Amino acid sequence: MRPLTEREIRAAFVNCTKGEAKRLTVPRDLAERPWDDLDFLGWRDPQAPDRAYLVIELDGRPTALALRSPGSSSWQTRRSMCSMCLTTHTGGVSLMTAPKAGKAGQQGNSVGAYMCNDLACSLYVRGKKDAGVGARLPESLTLEEKIQRTVTNLTAFIAKVAAR
């Protein structure tokens, strides 16, 4: 993924208003992010731990989603699998919900998926970040195929959110 600017990120949101996008917290360390190892940029809002955001390039332009997830609770101690990258974590996966785009989202409709709490799927798939023993199940897929599967899963989720 190519490095993105704060301005590009704020303009890319499909499921929140321009005002909401203007007020959300964008990471200050964009220049230090490992862009060459990212298929998408994901982050949690440090001021609002139940909020998360992600941005991916689709058809050559950034597309971003605002997400919500519950705070930590006791049910998160069991082992769960991220539906994007298929990494398993103990307490490291949450149901993330995204308001649908447009009128459906304004009426309270949303789409959900189980995702890595830290949204670091790209780094887990590449082995750059360790989720612990047994986090990556043995597979015969190449690294490129695993990356493509993650991008395909995320693209399908975004399509559900953006569907009007």
N, C-alpha and C. Protein backbone atom coordinates (compact mmCIF):
# COMPACT_ATOMS: atom_id res chain seq x y z
N MET A 1 0.85 -1.17 0.00
CA MET A 1 0.00 0.00 0.00
C MET A 1 0.90 1.24 0.00
N ARG A 2 0.48 2.24 -0.73
CA ARG A 2 1.27 3.48 -0.77
C ARG A 2 0.96 4.31 0.48
N PRO A 3 1.90 5.13 0.90
CA PRO A 3 1.65 6.00 2.05
C PRO A 3 0.49 6.97 1.76
N LEU A 4 -0.36 7.17 2.75
CA LEU A 4 -1.50 8.06 2.62
C LEU A 4 -1.33 9.27 3.53
N THR A 5 -1.91 10.37 3.12
CA THR A 5 -1.88 11.57 3.94
C THR A 5 -3.15 11.63 4.79
N GLU A 6 -3.11 12.44 5.81
CA GLU A 6 -4.28 12.63 6.66
C GLU A 6 -5.46 13.13 5.83
N ARG A 7 -5.19 14.02 4.94
CA ARG A 7 -6.25 14.58 4.09
C ARG A 7 -6.91 13.50 3.23
N GLU A 8 -6.09 12.63 2.62
CA GLU A 8 -6.63 11.53 1.81
C GLU A 8 -7.48 10.59 2.65
N ILE A 9 -7.02 10.31 3.85
CA ILE A 9 -7.74 9.40 4.74
C ILE A 9 -9.09 9.99 5.10
N ARG A 10 -9.11 11.23 5.54
CA ARG A 10 -10.38 11.86 5.94
C ARG A 10 -11.39 11.92 4.78
N ALA A 11 -10.91 12.12 3.56
CA ALA A 11 -11.80 12.21 2.40
C ALA A 11 -12.30 10.84 1.93
N ALA A 12 -11.72 9.76 2.44
CA ALA A 12 -12.02 8.42 1.93
C ALA A 12 -13.17 7.70 2.64
N PHE A 13 -13.69 8.25 3.72
CA PHE A 13 -14.72 7.54 4.49
C PHE A 13 -16.03 7.45 3.73
N VAL A 14 -16.58 6.23 3.69
CA VAL A 14 -17.83 5.98 2.97
C VAL A 14 -19.03 5.84 3.90
N ASN A 15 -18.79 5.69 5.20
CA ASN A 15 -19.91 5.43 6.11
C ASN A 15 -20.00 6.40 7.28
N CYS A 16 -19.53 7.61 7.07
CA CYS A 16 -19.74 8.66 8.07
C CYS A 16 -19.78 10.00 7.34
N THR A 17 -20.28 11.00 8.03
CA THR A 17 -20.40 12.32 7.41
C THR A 17 -19.03 12.98 7.29
N LYS A 18 -18.95 14.01 6.48
CA LYS A 18 -17.70 14.76 6.34
C LYS A 18 -17.30 15.37 7.68
N GLY A 19 -18.28 15.82 8.45
CA GLY A 19 -18.00 16.38 9.78
C GLY A 19 -17.43 15.34 10.72
N GLU A 20 -18.00 14.14 10.70
CA GLU A 20 -17.47 13.06 11.55
C GLU A 20 -16.06 12.69 11.12
N ALA A 21 -15.82 12.62 9.81
CA ALA A 21 -14.49 12.30 9.31
C ALA A 21 -13.48 13.38 9.70
N LYS A 22 -13.92 14.62 9.73
CA LYS A 22 -13.03 15.72 10.11
C LYS A 22 -12.64 15.65 11.59
N ARG A 23 -13.56 15.15 12.44
CA ARG A 23 -13.33 15.11 13.88
C ARG A 23 -12.62 13.84 14.37
N LEU A 24 -12.59 12.78 13.58
CA LEU A 24 -12.00 11.54 14.07
C LEU A 24 -10.49 11.65 14.20
N THR A 25 -9.93 10.79 15.02
CA THR A 25 -8.49 10.81 15.29
C THR A 25 -7.75 9.98 14.26
N VAL A 26 -6.88 10.62 13.49
CA VAL A 26 -6.02 9.95 12.52
C VAL A 26 -4.66 9.76 13.17
N PRO A 27 -4.02 8.60 12.96
CA PRO A 27 -2.70 8.39 13.59
C PRO A 27 -1.72 9.50 13.24
N ARG A 28 -0.96 9.93 14.22
CA ARG A 28 0.04 10.99 14.01
C ARG A 28 1.33 10.44 13.41
N ASP A 29 1.49 9.11 13.47
CA ASP A 29 2.73 8.50 13.01
C ASP A 29 2.62 7.91 11.60
N LEU A 30 1.85 8.53 10.73
CA LEU A 30 1.66 8.00 9.38
C LEU A 30 2.99 7.80 8.65
N ALA A 31 3.92 8.69 8.83
CA ALA A 31 5.22 8.59 8.15
C ALA A 31 6.01 7.37 8.60
N GLU A 32 5.78 6.91 9.84
CA GLU A 32 6.55 5.78 10.37
C GLU A 32 5.88 4.43 10.15
N ARG A 33 4.70 4.41 9.58
CA ARG A 33 3.98 3.15 9.37
C ARG A 33 4.72 2.28 8.34
N PRO A 34 4.67 0.95 8.50
CA PRO A 34 5.36 0.05 7.55
C PRO A 34 4.54 -0.14 6.27
N TRP A 35 4.41 0.91 5.48
CA TRP A 35 3.52 0.92 4.32
C TRP A 35 3.76 -0.25 3.36
N ASP A 36 5.01 -0.64 3.17
CA ASP A 36 5.31 -1.74 2.24
C ASP A 36 4.71 -3.06 2.71
N ASP A 37 4.46 -3.18 4.00
CA ASP A 37 3.89 -4.42 4.56
C ASP A 37 2.40 -4.32 4.85
N LEU A 38 1.77 -3.22 4.48
CA LEU A 38 0.35 -3.04 4.77
C LEU A 38 -0.51 -3.23 3.53
N ASP A 39 -1.55 -4.03 3.68
CA ASP A 39 -2.57 -4.17 2.64
C ASP A 39 -3.67 -3.17 2.91
N PHE A 40 -3.80 -2.78 4.18
CA PHE A 40 -4.72 -1.72 4.59
C PHE A 40 -4.18 -1.12 5.87
N LEU A 41 -4.57 0.11 6.13
CA LEU A 41 -4.19 0.79 7.36
C LEU A 41 -5.36 0.69 8.33
N GLY A 42 -5.12 0.17 9.50
CA GLY A 42 -6.15 0.09 10.52
C GLY A 42 -5.64 0.63 11.84
N TRP A 43 -6.52 1.30 12.61
CA TRP A 43 -6.11 1.83 13.90
C TRP A 43 -7.30 1.98 14.82
N ARG A 44 -7.00 1.99 16.12
CA ARG A 44 -7.99 2.26 17.16
C ARG A 44 -7.85 3.72 17.58
N ASP A 45 -8.97 4.32 17.99
CA ASP A 45 -8.95 5.70 18.45
C ASP A 45 -8.54 5.69 19.93
N PRO A 46 -7.39 6.29 20.27
CA PRO A 46 -6.95 6.27 21.67
C PRO A 46 -7.88 7.04 22.61
N GLN A 47 -8.62 8.03 22.09
CA GLN A 47 -9.55 8.78 22.93
C GLN A 47 -10.90 8.09 23.07
N ALA A 48 -11.21 7.15 22.18
CA ALA A 48 -12.49 6.43 22.20
C ALA A 48 -12.21 4.97 21.85
N PRO A 49 -11.86 4.14 22.84
CA PRO A 49 -11.42 2.76 22.58
C PRO A 49 -12.44 1.88 21.85
N ASP A 50 -13.71 2.29 21.85
CA ASP A 50 -14.71 1.49 21.12
C ASP A 50 -14.77 1.85 19.64
N ARG A 51 -13.95 2.80 19.21
CA ARG A 51 -13.93 3.20 17.80
C ARG A 51 -12.64 2.75 17.13
N ALA A 52 -12.81 2.30 15.89
CA ALA A 52 -11.66 1.88 15.08
C ALA A 52 -11.93 2.32 13.65
N TYR A 53 -10.86 2.36 12.87
CA TYR A 53 -10.96 2.83 11.50
C TYR A 53 -10.03 2.02 10.62
N LEU A 54 -10.40 1.90 9.36
CA LEU A 54 -9.50 1.25 8.41
C LEU A 54 -9.64 1.92 7.06
N VAL A 55 -8.55 1.86 6.30
CA VAL A 55 -8.54 2.43 4.95
C VAL A 55 -7.73 1.50 4.06
N ILE A 56 -8.27 1.25 2.87
CA ILE A 56 -7.63 0.38 1.89
C ILE A 56 -7.74 1.07 0.53
N GLU A 57 -6.82 0.77 -0.36
CA GLU A 57 -6.93 1.30 -1.72
C GLU A 57 -7.71 0.32 -2.57
N LEU A 58 -8.81 0.79 -3.13
CA LEU A 58 -9.64 0.01 -4.05
C LEU A 58 -9.73 0.76 -5.36
N ASP A 59 -9.44 0.08 -6.43
CA ASP A 59 -9.46 0.71 -7.76
C ASP A 59 -8.63 1.99 -7.80
N GLY A 60 -7.48 1.96 -7.12
CA GLY A 60 -6.55 3.08 -7.16
C GLY A 60 -6.86 4.26 -6.28
N ARG A 61 -7.92 4.15 -5.47
CA ARG A 61 -8.22 5.27 -4.56
C ARG A 61 -8.56 4.75 -3.17
N PRO A 62 -8.24 5.53 -2.14
CA PRO A 62 -8.50 5.11 -0.77
C PRO A 62 -10.00 5.02 -0.47
N THR A 63 -10.36 3.98 0.27
CA THR A 63 -11.72 3.79 0.77
C THR A 63 -11.59 3.49 2.25
N ALA A 64 -12.32 4.22 3.08
CA ALA A 64 -12.17 4.08 4.53
C ALA A 64 -13.51 3.77 5.19
N LEU A 65 -13.43 3.07 6.33
CA LEU A 65 -14.61 2.73 7.13
C LEU A 65 -14.41 3.15 8.57
N ALA A 66 -15.48 3.62 9.17
CA ALA A 66 -15.53 3.84 10.62
C ALA A 66 -16.15 2.59 11.23
N LEU A 67 -15.54 2.08 12.29
CA LEU A 67 -15.98 0.85 12.94
C LEU A 67 -16.24 1.09 14.42
N ARG A 68 -17.05 0.23 15.00
CA ARG A 68 -17.26 0.22 16.45
C ARG A 68 -17.01 -1.19 16.95
N SER A 69 -16.49 -1.28 18.15
CA SER A 69 -16.32 -2.59 18.78
C SER A 69 -16.53 -2.44 20.27
N PRO A 70 -16.98 -3.51 20.90
CA PRO A 70 -17.20 -3.43 22.35
C PRO A 70 -15.87 -3.29 23.09
N GLY A 71 -15.94 -2.78 24.28
CA GLY A 71 -14.75 -2.73 25.13
C GLY A 71 -14.37 -4.14 25.54
N SER A 72 -13.26 -4.29 26.21
CA SER A 72 -12.83 -5.62 26.62
C SER A 72 -13.80 -6.19 27.64
N SER A 73 -14.03 -7.48 27.52
CA SER A 73 -14.91 -8.17 28.46
C SER A 73 -14.42 -9.59 28.65
N SER A 74 -15.02 -10.30 29.59
CA SER A 74 -14.53 -11.62 29.94
C SER A 74 -14.69 -12.64 28.82
N TRP A 75 -15.67 -12.47 27.92
CA TRP A 75 -15.84 -13.45 26.84
C TRP A 75 -14.67 -13.45 25.88
N GLN A 76 -13.87 -12.41 25.89
CA GLN A 76 -12.75 -12.32 24.96
C GLN A 76 -11.55 -13.16 25.39
N THR A 77 -11.67 -13.92 26.46
CA THR A 77 -10.56 -14.75 26.88
C THR A 77 -10.50 -16.06 26.09
N ARG A 78 -11.54 -16.41 25.37
CA ARG A 78 -11.48 -17.63 24.57
C ARG A 78 -10.80 -17.32 23.24
N ARG A 79 -10.33 -18.38 22.61
CA ARG A 79 -9.60 -18.24 21.35
C ARG A 79 -10.60 -17.98 20.22
N SER A 80 -10.34 -16.94 19.42
CA SER A 80 -11.21 -16.57 18.32
C SER A 80 -10.37 -16.33 17.08
N MET A 81 -11.03 -16.39 15.90
CA MET A 81 -10.33 -16.21 14.63
C MET A 81 -10.84 -14.96 13.91
N CYS A 82 -9.91 -14.19 13.41
CA CYS A 82 -10.23 -13.02 12.59
C CYS A 82 -10.79 -13.51 11.25
N SER A 83 -11.91 -12.94 10.85
CA SER A 83 -12.52 -13.36 9.58
C SER A 83 -11.84 -12.73 8.37
N MET A 84 -10.91 -11.82 8.58
CA MET A 84 -10.19 -11.20 7.46
C MET A 84 -8.91 -11.98 7.14
N CYS A 85 -8.05 -12.15 8.15
CA CYS A 85 -6.73 -12.76 7.92
C CYS A 85 -6.62 -14.20 8.41
N LEU A 86 -7.66 -14.68 9.08
CA LEU A 86 -7.71 -16.04 9.63
C LEU A 86 -6.61 -16.31 10.65
N THR A 87 -6.24 -15.30 11.41
CA THR A 87 -5.32 -15.44 12.54
C THR A 87 -6.18 -15.69 13.77
N THR A 88 -5.75 -16.63 14.63
CA THR A 88 -6.46 -16.87 15.87
C THR A 88 -5.73 -16.18 17.01
N HIS A 89 -6.51 -15.66 17.95
CA HIS A 89 -5.97 -14.94 19.10
C HIS A 89 -6.73 -15.39 20.34
N THR A 90 -6.09 -15.30 21.48
CA THR A 90 -6.81 -15.41 22.74
C THR A 90 -7.07 -13.99 23.21
N GLY A 91 -8.32 -13.58 23.13
CA GLY A 91 -8.69 -12.23 23.53
C GLY A 91 -8.30 -11.15 22.55
N GLY A 92 -7.88 -11.51 21.35
CA GLY A 92 -7.40 -10.51 20.40
C GLY A 92 -8.30 -10.30 19.20
N VAL A 93 -9.54 -10.82 19.26
CA VAL A 93 -10.48 -10.65 18.16
C VAL A 93 -11.78 -10.08 18.72
N SER A 94 -12.35 -9.10 18.02
CA SER A 94 -13.62 -8.51 18.45
C SER A 94 -14.57 -8.41 17.27
N LEU A 95 -15.85 -8.39 17.58
CA LEU A 95 -16.84 -8.10 16.57
C LEU A 95 -16.78 -6.61 16.29
N MET A 96 -16.43 -6.26 15.06
CA MET A 96 -16.38 -4.86 14.65
C MET A 96 -17.62 -4.62 13.78
N THR A 97 -18.33 -3.56 14.07
CA THR A 97 -19.51 -3.23 13.28
C THR A 97 -19.28 -1.90 12.59
N ALA A 98 -19.78 -1.82 11.37
CA ALA A 98 -19.66 -0.61 10.57
C ALA A 98 -21.06 -0.16 10.17
N PRO A 99 -21.43 1.09 10.46
CA PRO A 99 -22.71 1.58 9.95
C PRO A 99 -22.71 1.50 8.42
N LYS A 100 -23.81 1.09 7.84
CA LYS A 100 -23.90 1.05 6.39
C LYS A 100 -23.83 2.48 5.84
N ALA A 101 -23.40 2.58 4.61
CA ALA A 101 -23.32 3.88 3.95
C ALA A 101 -24.71 4.40 3.62
N GLY A 102 -24.83 5.72 3.56
CA GLY A 102 -26.07 6.35 3.12
C GLY A 102 -27.23 6.25 4.08
N LYS A 103 -28.43 6.22 3.51
CA LYS A 103 -29.66 6.25 4.29
C LYS A 103 -29.79 5.03 5.21
N ALA A 104 -29.34 3.87 4.74
CA ALA A 104 -29.42 2.66 5.57
C ALA A 104 -28.64 2.84 6.87
N GLY A 105 -27.47 3.44 6.78
CA GLY A 105 -26.67 3.70 7.97
C GLY A 105 -27.30 4.72 8.88
N GLN A 106 -27.93 5.74 8.29
CA GLN A 106 -28.62 6.76 9.08
C GLN A 106 -29.80 6.17 9.83
N GLN A 107 -30.36 5.07 9.29
CA GLN A 107 -31.48 4.39 9.94
C GLN A 107 -31.00 3.35 10.96
N GLY A 108 -29.69 3.25 11.15
CA GLY A 108 -29.14 2.36 12.16
C GLY A 108 -28.71 1.00 11.67
N ASN A 109 -28.74 0.75 10.37
CA ASN A 109 -28.31 -0.54 9.83
C ASN A 109 -26.78 -0.62 9.81
N SER A 110 -26.27 -1.80 10.13
CA SER A 110 -24.82 -1.97 10.17
C SER A 110 -24.45 -3.36 9.69
N VAL A 111 -23.16 -3.55 9.46
CA VAL A 111 -22.59 -4.82 9.04
C VAL A 111 -21.47 -5.13 10.02
N GLY A 112 -21.33 -6.39 10.40
CA GLY A 112 -20.30 -6.75 11.36
C GLY A 112 -19.41 -7.88 10.87
N ALA A 113 -18.21 -7.94 11.42
CA ALA A 113 -17.26 -9.02 11.14
C ALA A 113 -16.30 -9.13 12.33
N TYR A 114 -15.82 -10.33 12.57
CA TYR A 114 -14.81 -10.53 13.60
C TYR A 114 -13.45 -10.18 13.02
N MET A 115 -12.76 -9.24 13.70
CA MET A 115 -11.46 -8.76 13.21
C MET A 115 -10.45 -8.70 14.35
N CYS A 116 -9.18 -8.71 13.97
CA CYS A 116 -8.11 -8.53 14.95
C CYS A 116 -8.34 -7.20 15.67
N ASN A 117 -8.25 -7.21 17.00
CA ASN A 117 -8.47 -5.99 17.78
C ASN A 117 -7.60 -4.82 17.32
N ASP A 118 -6.35 -5.12 16.96
CA ASP A 118 -5.42 -4.06 16.59
C ASP A 118 -5.41 -3.77 15.08
N LEU A 119 -6.25 -4.49 14.33
CA LEU A 119 -6.36 -4.31 12.88
C LEU A 119 -5.00 -4.44 12.18
N ALA A 120 -4.15 -5.32 12.69
CA ALA A 120 -2.82 -5.53 12.13
C ALA A 120 -2.76 -6.81 11.29
N CYS A 121 -3.85 -7.14 10.63
CA CYS A 121 -3.93 -8.37 9.83
C CYS A 121 -2.75 -8.52 8.87
N SER A 122 -2.39 -7.44 8.19
CA SER A 122 -1.30 -7.48 7.21
C SER A 122 0.00 -7.97 7.85
N LEU A 123 0.26 -7.52 9.06
CA LEU A 123 1.50 -7.89 9.75
C LEU A 123 1.45 -9.32 10.26
N TYR A 124 0.28 -9.79 10.71
CA TYR A 124 0.14 -11.17 11.14
C TYR A 124 0.34 -12.13 9.97
N VAL A 125 -0.27 -11.83 8.83
CA VAL A 125 -0.16 -12.69 7.65
C VAL A 125 1.29 -12.81 7.22
N ARG A 126 2.03 -11.73 7.28
CA ARG A 126 3.44 -11.72 6.84
C ARG A 126 4.41 -12.22 7.91
N GLY A 127 3.92 -12.52 9.10
CA GLY A 127 4.80 -12.98 10.18
C GLY A 127 5.60 -11.85 10.80
N LYS A 128 5.22 -10.60 10.56
CA LYS A 128 5.92 -9.43 11.12
C LYS A 128 5.46 -9.13 12.54
N LYS A 129 4.30 -9.68 12.90
CA LYS A 129 3.75 -9.51 14.24
C LYS A 129 3.27 -10.88 14.70
N ASP A 130 3.54 -11.21 15.95
CA ASP A 130 3.22 -12.54 16.48
C ASP A 130 1.98 -12.48 17.36
N ALA A 131 1.01 -13.32 17.07
CA ALA A 131 -0.21 -13.38 17.87
C ALA A 131 -0.16 -14.53 18.88
N GLY A 132 0.99 -15.18 18.99
CA GLY A 132 1.15 -16.24 19.98
C GLY A 132 1.13 -17.62 19.35
N VAL A 133 1.30 -18.62 20.22
CA VAL A 133 1.36 -20.01 19.79
C VAL A 133 0.03 -20.41 19.14
N GLY A 134 0.13 -21.04 17.98
CA GLY A 134 -1.05 -21.53 17.28
C GLY A 134 -1.87 -20.47 16.58
N ALA A 135 -1.33 -19.27 16.46
CA ALA A 135 -2.09 -18.17 15.85
C ALA A 135 -2.28 -18.36 14.36
N ARG A 136 -1.30 -18.93 13.70
CA ARG A 136 -1.40 -19.18 12.26
C ARG A 136 -1.46 -20.68 12.04
N LEU A 137 -2.57 -21.13 11.51
CA LEU A 137 -2.75 -22.55 11.22
C LEU A 137 -1.90 -22.93 10.01
N PRO A 138 -1.38 -24.16 9.99
CA PRO A 138 -0.57 -24.58 8.83
C PRO A 138 -1.42 -24.57 7.56
N GLU A 139 -0.88 -23.98 6.50
CA GLU A 139 -1.58 -23.90 5.23
C GLU A 139 -0.61 -24.15 4.09
N SER A 140 -1.14 -24.59 2.97
CA SER A 140 -0.30 -24.81 1.79
C SER A 140 -0.30 -23.59 0.87
N LEU A 141 -1.03 -22.54 1.23
CA LEU A 141 -1.07 -21.33 0.42
C LEU A 141 0.25 -20.58 0.50
N THR A 142 0.60 -19.90 -0.58
CA THR A 142 1.79 -19.05 -0.57
C THR A 142 1.45 -17.77 0.21
N LEU A 143 2.47 -17.02 0.54
CA LEU A 143 2.26 -15.74 1.22
C LEU A 143 1.38 -14.83 0.36
N GLU A 144 1.65 -14.77 -0.93
CA GLU A 144 0.85 -13.93 -1.83
C GLU A 144 -0.62 -14.35 -1.83
N GLU A 145 -0.88 -15.64 -1.79
CA GLU A 145 -2.27 -16.14 -1.75
C GLU A 145 -2.94 -15.78 -0.43
N LYS A 146 -2.21 -15.83 0.66
CA LYS A 146 -2.76 -15.44 1.97
C LYS A 146 -3.07 -13.94 1.99
N ILE A 147 -2.18 -13.15 1.43
CA ILE A 147 -2.40 -11.71 1.34
C ILE A 147 -3.64 -11.43 0.50
N GLN A 148 -3.74 -12.09 -0.65
CA GLN A 148 -4.89 -11.89 -1.53
C GLN A 148 -6.19 -12.30 -0.85
N ARG A 149 -6.17 -13.37 -0.07
CA ARG A 149 -7.37 -13.81 0.66
C ARG A 149 -7.80 -12.74 1.66
N THR A 150 -6.84 -12.16 2.38
CA THR A 150 -7.15 -11.11 3.35
C THR A 150 -7.78 -9.91 2.65
N VAL A 151 -7.18 -9.48 1.55
CA VAL A 151 -7.70 -8.33 0.79
C VAL A 151 -9.09 -8.65 0.24
N THR A 152 -9.29 -9.85 -0.26
CA THR A 152 -10.60 -10.25 -0.78
C THR A 152 -11.65 -10.23 0.32
N ASN A 153 -11.31 -10.76 1.50
CA ASN A 153 -12.26 -10.76 2.62
C ASN A 153 -12.62 -9.34 3.04
N LEU A 154 -11.62 -8.47 3.12
CA LEU A 154 -11.87 -7.08 3.51
C LEU A 154 -12.67 -6.35 2.43
N THR A 155 -12.36 -6.59 1.17
CA THR A 155 -13.09 -5.96 0.08
C THR A 155 -14.57 -6.37 0.10
N ALA A 156 -14.84 -7.64 0.39
CA ALA A 156 -16.22 -8.12 0.48
C ALA A 156 -16.96 -7.44 1.64
N PHE A 157 -16.25 -7.26 2.76
CA PHE A 157 -16.87 -6.57 3.91
C PHE A 157 -17.20 -5.12 3.54
N ILE A 158 -16.26 -4.44 2.90
CA ILE A 158 -16.49 -3.05 2.49
C ILE A 158 -17.66 -2.96 1.51
N ALA A 159 -17.75 -3.92 0.60
CA ALA A 159 -18.87 -3.92 -0.37
C ALA A 159 -20.21 -4.03 0.35
N LYS A 160 -20.28 -4.81 1.42
CA LYS A 160 -21.53 -4.92 2.20
C LYS A 160 -21.86 -3.62 2.88
N VAL A 161 -20.84 -2.94 3.39
CA VAL A 161 -21.05 -1.66 4.07
C VAL A 161 -21.49 -0.60 3.06
N ALA A 162 -20.87 -0.57 1.90
CA ALA A 162 -21.14 0.47 0.91
C ALA A 162 -22.41 0.22 0.10
N ALA A 163 -22.94 -1.01 0.13
CA ALA A 163 -24.15 -1.32 -0.66
C ALA A 163 -25.30 -0.44 -0.23
N ARG A 164 -25.99 0.13 -1.18
CA ARG A 164 -27.12 1.03 -0.87
C ARG A 164 -28.42 0.40 -1.26
